[in-house]
Amino acid sequence: MTTLPRDLNACGFSSETIAAEYETDAALQEAGLDMNDPYFNAAWVAEQEQRQADWEQTRATP
């Protein structure tokens, strides 16, 4: 995945990842804590994509 450089906090997370975490939490609450709910699953996948982009940037940064 190629992305523009991200501003990572001291823990190595971007604001995009943090926002995706909030969206995942909200989706899980909205789904009544049903981890098989499609809305939750879509949010979870999006969060993992953001985490992967952060991780790739961290690996590429000397």
PDB file of N, CA and C in Angstrom:
ATOM      1  N   MET A   1       0.849  -1.166   0.000  1.00  0.00           N
ATOM      2  CA  MET A   1       0.000   0.000   0.000  1.00  0.00           C
ATOM      3  C   MET A   1       0.894   1.227   0.000  1.00  0.00           C
ATOM      4  N   THR A   2       0.660   2.133  -0.928  1.00  0.00           N
ATOM      5  CA  THR A   2       1.432   3.364  -0.999  1.00  0.00           C
ATOM      6  C   THR A   2       0.567   4.513  -0.515  1.00  0.00           C
ATOM      7  N   THR A   3       1.062   5.227   0.466  1.00  0.00           N
ATOM      8  CA  THR A   3       0.331   6.367   1.001  1.00  0.00           C
ATOM      9  C   THR A   3       1.283   7.539   1.158  1.00  0.00           C
ATOM     10  N   LEU A   4       0.724   8.704   1.321  1.00  0.00           N
ATOM     11  CA  LEU A   4       1.532   9.876   1.624  1.00  0.00           C
ATOM     12  C   LEU A   4       2.104   9.710   3.027  1.00  0.00           C
ATOM     13  N   PRO A   5       3.200  10.405   3.322  1.00  0.00           N
ATOM     14  CA  PRO A   5       3.740  10.315   4.681  1.00  0.00           C
ATOM     15  C   PRO A   5       2.689  10.702   5.715  1.00  0.00           C
ATOM     16  N   ARG A   6       2.658   9.960   6.801  1.00  0.00           N
ATOM     17  CA  ARG A   6       1.692  10.196   7.876  1.00  0.00           C
ATOM     18  C   ARG A   6       2.414  10.801   9.062  1.00  0.00           C
ATOM     19  N   ASP A   7       1.708  11.636   9.793  1.00  0.00           N
ATOM     20  CA  ASP A   7       2.235  12.134  11.058  1.00  0.00           C
ATOM     21  C   ASP A   7       1.909  11.080  12.103  1.00  0.00           C
ATOM     22  N   LEU A   8       2.932  10.448  12.654  1.00  0.00           N
ATOM     23  CA  LEU A   8       2.738   9.422  13.659  1.00  0.00           C
ATOM     24  C   LEU A   8       3.021  10.000  15.038  1.00  0.00           C
ATOM     25  N   ASN A   9       2.202   9.596  16.010  1.00  0.00           N
ATOM     26  CA  ASN A   9       2.440  10.054  17.372  1.00  0.00           C
ATOM     27  C   ASN A   9       3.581   9.249  17.990  1.00  0.00           C
ATOM     28  N   ALA A  10       3.880   9.492  19.245  1.00  0.00           N
ATOM     29  CA  ALA A  10       5.005   8.815  19.908  1.00  0.00           C
ATOM     30  C   ALA A  10       4.832   7.303  19.958  1.00  0.00           C
ATOM     31  N   CYS A  11       3.608   6.835  19.874  1.00  0.00           N
ATOM     32  CA  CYS A  11       3.336   5.395  19.896  1.00  0.00           C
ATOM     33  C   CYS A  11       3.341   4.787  18.489  1.00  0.00           C
ATOM     34  N   GLY A  12       3.531   5.619  17.468  1.00  0.00           N
ATOM     35  CA  GLY A  12       3.579   5.131  16.101  1.00  0.00           C
ATOM     36  C   GLY A  12       2.235   5.031  15.413  1.00  0.00           C
ATOM     37  N   PHE A  13       1.219   5.735  15.939  1.00  0.00           N
ATOM     38  CA  PHE A  13      -0.112   5.707  15.339  1.00  0.00           C
ATOM     39  C   PHE A  13      -0.418   7.045  14.683  1.00  0.00           C
ATOM     40  N   SER A  14      -1.086   6.996  13.544  1.00  0.00           N
ATOM     41  CA  SER A  14      -1.520   8.206  12.855  1.00  0.00           C
ATOM     42  C   SER A  14      -2.915   8.597  13.326  1.00  0.00           C
ATOM     43  N   SER A  15      -3.299   9.826  13.011  1.00  0.00           N
ATOM     44  CA  SER A  15      -4.659  10.254  13.348  1.00  0.00           C
ATOM     45  C   SER A  15      -5.681   9.441  12.570  1.00  0.00           C
ATOM     46  N   GLU A  16      -5.318   8.958  11.380  1.00  0.00           N
ATOM     47  CA  GLU A  16      -6.225   8.105  10.603  1.00  0.00           C
ATOM     48  C   GLU A  16      -6.509   6.797  11.327  1.00  0.00           C
ATOM     49  N   THR A  17      -5.483   6.224  11.925  1.00  0.00           N
ATOM     50  CA  THR A  17      -5.668   4.974  12.664  1.00  0.00           C
ATOM     51  C   THR A  17      -6.514   5.210  13.911  1.00  0.00           C
ATOM     52  N   ILE A  18      -6.247   6.292  14.612  1.00  0.00           N
ATOM     53  CA  ILE A  18      -7.022   6.592  15.819  1.00  0.00           C
ATOM     54  C   ILE A  18      -8.489   6.807  15.464  1.00  0.00           C
ATOM     55  N   ALA A  19      -8.751   7.520  14.370  1.00  0.00           N
ATOM     56  CA  ALA A  19     -10.133   7.724  13.930  1.00  0.00           C
ATOM     57  C   ALA A  19     -10.783   6.397  13.561  1.00  0.00           C
ATOM     58  N   ALA A  20     -10.035   5.516  12.912  1.00  0.00           N
ATOM     59  CA  ALA A  20     -10.576   4.203  12.540  1.00  0.00           C
ATOM     60  C   ALA A  20     -10.894   3.374  13.784  1.00  0.00           C
ATOM     61  N   GLU A  21     -10.083   3.519  14.832  1.00  0.00           N
ATOM     62  CA  GLU A  21     -10.367   2.811  16.087  1.00  0.00           C
ATOM     63  C   GLU A  21     -11.695   3.272  16.674  1.00  0.00           C
ATOM     64  N   TYR A  22     -11.922   4.586  16.674  1.00  0.00           N
ATOM     65  CA  TYR A  22     -13.192   5.114  17.178  1.00  0.00           C
ATOM     66  C   TYR A  22     -14.362   4.595  16.349  1.00  0.00           C
ATOM     67  N   GLU A  23     -14.188   4.558  15.028  1.00  0.00           N
ATOM     68  CA  GLU A  23     -15.245   4.059  14.150  1.00  0.00           C
ATOM     69  C   GLU A  23     -15.534   2.583  14.435  1.00  0.00           C
ATOM     70  N   THR A  24     -14.490   1.801  14.664  1.00  0.00           N
ATOM     71  CA  THR A  24     -14.669   0.379  14.979  1.00  0.00           C
ATOM     72  C   THR A  24     -15.415   0.222  16.300  1.00  0.00           C
ATOM     73  N   ASP A  25     -15.031   1.003  17.299  1.00  0.00           N
ATOM     74  CA  ASP A  25     -15.721   0.949  18.594  1.00  0.00           C
ATOM     75  C   ASP A  25     -17.195   1.315  18.454  1.00  0.00           C
ATOM     76  N   ALA A  26     -17.457   2.377  17.674  1.00  0.00           N
ATOM     77  CA  ALA A  26     -18.843   2.807  17.468  1.00  0.00           C
ATOM     78  C   ALA A  26     -19.635   1.744  16.714  1.00  0.00           C
ATOM     79  N   ALA A  27     -19.011   1.124  15.726  1.00  0.00           N
ATOM     80  CA  ALA A  27     -19.691   0.083  14.947  1.00  0.00           C
ATOM     81  C   ALA A  27     -20.041  -1.109  15.828  1.00  0.00           C
ATOM     82  N   LEU A  28     -19.130  -1.465  16.706  1.00  0.00           N
ATOM     83  CA  LEU A  28     -19.388  -2.597  17.598  1.00  0.00           C
ATOM     84  C   LEU A  28     -20.545  -2.283  18.550  1.00  0.00           C
ATOM     85  N   GLN A  29     -20.571  -1.073  19.072  1.00  0.00           N
ATOM     86  CA  GLN A  29     -21.682  -0.681  19.947  1.00  0.00           C
ATOM     87  C   GLN A  29     -22.998  -0.681  19.174  1.00  0.00           C
ATOM     88  N   GLU A  30     -22.960  -0.125  17.972  1.00  0.00           N
ATOM     89  CA  GLU A  30     -24.173  -0.065  17.152  1.00  0.00           C
ATOM     90  C   GLU A  30     -24.664  -1.463  16.773  1.00  0.00           C
ATOM     91  N   ALA A  31     -23.725  -2.397  16.646  1.00  0.00           N
ATOM     92  CA  ALA A  31     -24.074  -3.778  16.290  1.00  0.00           C
ATOM     93  C   ALA A  31     -24.495  -4.586  17.507  1.00  0.00           C
ATOM     94  N   GLY A  32     -24.591  -3.940  18.660  1.00  0.00           N
ATOM     95  CA  GLY A  32     -24.980  -4.667  19.870  1.00  0.00           C
ATOM     96  C   GLY A  32     -23.929  -5.671  20.297  1.00  0.00           C
ATOM     97  N   LEU A  33     -22.658  -5.318  20.078  1.00  0.00           N
ATOM     98  CA  LEU A  33     -21.493  -6.149  20.414  1.00  0.00           C
ATOM     99  C   LEU A  33     -21.433  -7.442  19.604  1.00  0.00           C
ATOM    100  N   ASP A  34     -22.133  -7.469  18.466  1.00  0.00           N
ATOM    101  CA  ASP A  34     -22.111  -8.628  17.574  1.00  0.00           C
ATOM    102  C   ASP A  34     -20.925  -8.506  16.623  1.00  0.00           C
ATOM    103  N   MET A  35     -19.889  -9.283  16.897  1.00  0.00           N
ATOM    104  CA  MET A  35     -18.684  -9.196  16.077  1.00  0.00           C
ATOM    105  C   MET A  35     -18.860  -9.818  14.692  1.00  0.00           C
ATOM    106  N   ASN A  36     -20.009 -10.380  14.403  1.00  0.00           N
ATOM    107  CA  ASN A  36     -20.286 -10.911  13.072  1.00  0.00           C
ATOM    108  C   ASN A  36     -21.088  -9.930  12.222  1.00  0.00           C
ATOM    109  N   ASP A  37     -21.417  -8.772  12.779  1.00  0.00           N
ATOM    110  CA  ASP A  37     -22.183  -7.765  12.062  1.00  0.00           C
ATOM    111  C   ASP A  37     -21.354  -7.204  10.904  1.00  0.00           C
ATOM    112  N   PRO A  38     -21.956  -7.074   9.709  1.00  0.00           N
ATOM    113  CA  PRO A  38     -21.200  -6.589   8.547  1.00  0.00           C
ATOM    114  C   PRO A  38     -20.626  -5.176   8.730  1.00  0.00           C
ATOM    115  N   TYR A  39     -21.359  -4.293   9.415  1.00  0.00           N
ATOM    116  CA  TYR A  39     -20.855  -2.933   9.652  1.00  0.00           C
ATOM    117  C   TYR A  39     -19.608  -2.985  10.535  1.00  0.00           C
ATOM    118  N   PHE A  40     -19.654  -3.795  11.580  1.00  0.00           N
ATOM    119  CA  PHE A  40     -18.483  -3.941  12.426  1.00  0.00           C
ATOM    120  C   PHE A  40     -17.320  -4.529  11.633  1.00  0.00           C
ATOM    121  N   ASN A  41     -17.591  -5.558  10.854  1.00  0.00           N
ATOM    122  CA  ASN A  41     -16.522  -6.202  10.075  1.00  0.00           C
ATOM    123  C   ASN A  41     -15.870  -5.234   9.097  1.00  0.00           C
ATOM    124  N   ALA A  42     -16.663  -4.393   8.455  1.00  0.00           N
ATOM    125  CA  ALA A  42     -16.105  -3.407   7.529  1.00  0.00           C
ATOM    126  C   ALA A  42     -15.234  -2.401   8.276  1.00  0.00           C
ATOM    127  N   ALA A  43     -15.691  -1.964   9.435  1.00  0.00           N
ATOM    128  CA  ALA A  43     -14.911  -1.019  10.240  1.00  0.00           C
ATOM    129  C   ALA A  43     -13.612  -1.662  10.717  1.00  0.00           C
ATOM    130  N   TRP A  44     -13.682  -2.933  11.096  1.00  0.00           N
ATOM    131  CA  TRP A  44     -12.493  -3.646  11.565  1.00  0.00           C
ATOM    132  C   TRP A  44     -11.452  -3.760  10.448  1.00  0.00           C
ATOM    133  N   VAL A  45     -11.909  -4.087   9.250  1.00  0.00           N
ATOM    134  CA  VAL A  45     -10.996  -4.195   8.104  1.00  0.00           C
ATOM    135  C   VAL A  45     -10.350  -2.837   7.822  1.00  0.00           C
ATOM    136  N   ALA A  46     -11.142  -1.775   7.857  1.00  0.00           N
ATOM    137  CA  ALA A  46     -10.601  -0.437   7.611  1.00  0.00           C
ATOM    138  C   ALA A  46      -9.558  -0.060   8.666  1.00  0.00           C
ATOM    139  N   GLU A  47      -9.829  -0.415   9.915  1.00  0.00           N
ATOM    140  CA  GLU A  47      -8.860  -0.131  10.980  1.00  0.00           C
ATOM    141  C   GLU A  47      -7.560  -0.885  10.742  1.00  0.00           C
ATOM    142  N   GLN A  48      -7.649  -2.133  10.353  1.00  0.00           N
ATOM    143  CA  GLN A  48      -6.450  -2.925  10.100  1.00  0.00           C
ATOM    144  C   GLN A  48      -5.644  -2.360   8.927  1.00  0.00           C
ATOM    145  N   GLU A  49      -6.329  -1.840   7.919  1.00  0.00           N
ATOM    146  CA  GLU A  49      -5.635  -1.214   6.786  1.00  0.00           C
ATOM    147  C   GLU A  49      -4.870   0.025   7.244  1.00  0.00           C
ATOM    148  N   GLN A  50      -5.477   0.814   8.123  1.00  0.00           N
ATOM    149  CA  GLN A  50      -4.800   2.006   8.644  1.00  0.00           C
ATOM    150  C   GLN A  50      -3.587   1.612   9.489  1.00  0.00           C
ATOM    151  N   ARG A  51      -3.743   0.601  10.313  1.00  0.00           N
ATOM    152  CA  ARG A  51      -2.621   0.124  11.131  1.00  0.00           C
ATOM    153  C   ARG A  51      -1.483  -0.380  10.242  1.00  0.00           C
ATOM    154  N   GLN A  52      -1.836  -1.072   9.175  1.00  0.00           N
ATOM    155  CA  GLN A  52      -0.820  -1.579   8.249  1.00  0.00           C
ATOM    156  C   GLN A  52      -0.059  -0.425   7.597  1.00  0.00           C
ATOM    157  N   ALA A  53      -0.772   0.619   7.195  1.00  0.00           N
ATOM    158  CA  ALA A  53      -0.114   1.773   6.588  1.00  0.00           C
ATOM    159  C   ALA A  53       0.834   2.443   7.582  1.00  0.00           C
ATOM    160  N   ASP A  54       0.429   2.561   8.840  1.00  0.00           N
ATOM    161  CA  ASP A  54       1.314   3.121   9.869  1.00  0.00           C
ATOM    162  C   ASP A  54       2.549   2.249  10.029  1.00  0.00           C
ATOM    163  N   TRP A  55       2.329   0.938  10.094  1.00  0.00           N
ATOM    164  CA  TRP A  55       3.442   0.013  10.296  1.00  0.00           C
ATOM    165  C   TRP A  55       4.425   0.082   9.126  1.00  0.00           C
ATOM    166  N   GLU A  56       3.891   0.146   7.906  1.00  0.00           N
ATOM    167  CA  GLU A  56       4.764   0.228   6.733  1.00  0.00           C
ATOM    168  C   GLU A  56       5.589   1.504   6.754  1.00  0.00           C
ATOM    169  N   GLN A  57       4.996   2.606   7.174  1.00  0.00           N
ATOM    170  CA  GLN A  57       5.753   3.844   7.252  1.00  0.00           C
ATOM    171  C   GLN A  57       6.834   3.749   8.312  1.00  0.00           C
ATOM    172  N   THR A  58       6.503   3.151   9.443  1.00  0.00           N
ATOM    173  CA  THR A  58       7.483   3.003  10.516  1.00  0.00           C
ATOM    174  C   THR A  58       8.665   2.158  10.055  1.00  0.00           C
ATOM    175  N   ARG A  59       8.381   1.088   9.318  1.00  0.00           N
ATOM    176  CA  ARG A  59       9.447   0.231   8.803  1.00  0.00           C
ATOM    177  C   ARG A  59      10.317   0.960   7.802  1.00  0.00           C
ATOM    178  N   ALA A  60       9.720   1.849   7.001  1.00  0.00           N
ATOM    179  CA  ALA A  60      10.452   2.555   5.948  1.00  0.00           C
ATOM    180  C   ALA A  60      11.251   3.741   6.478  1.00  0.00           C
ATOM    181  N   THR A  61      10.957   4.173   7.705  1.00  0.00           N
ATOM    182  CA  THR A  61      11.632   5.322   8.287  1.00  0.00           C
ATOM    183  C   THR A  61      12.891   4.868   9.023  1.00  0.00           C
ATOM    184  N   PRO A  62      14.030   5.408   8.608  1.00  0.00           N
ATOM    185  CA  PRO A  62      15.282   4.997   9.280  1.00  0.00           C
ATOM    186  C   PRO A  62      15.382   5.503  10.704  1.00  0.00           C
TER     187      PRO A  62
END
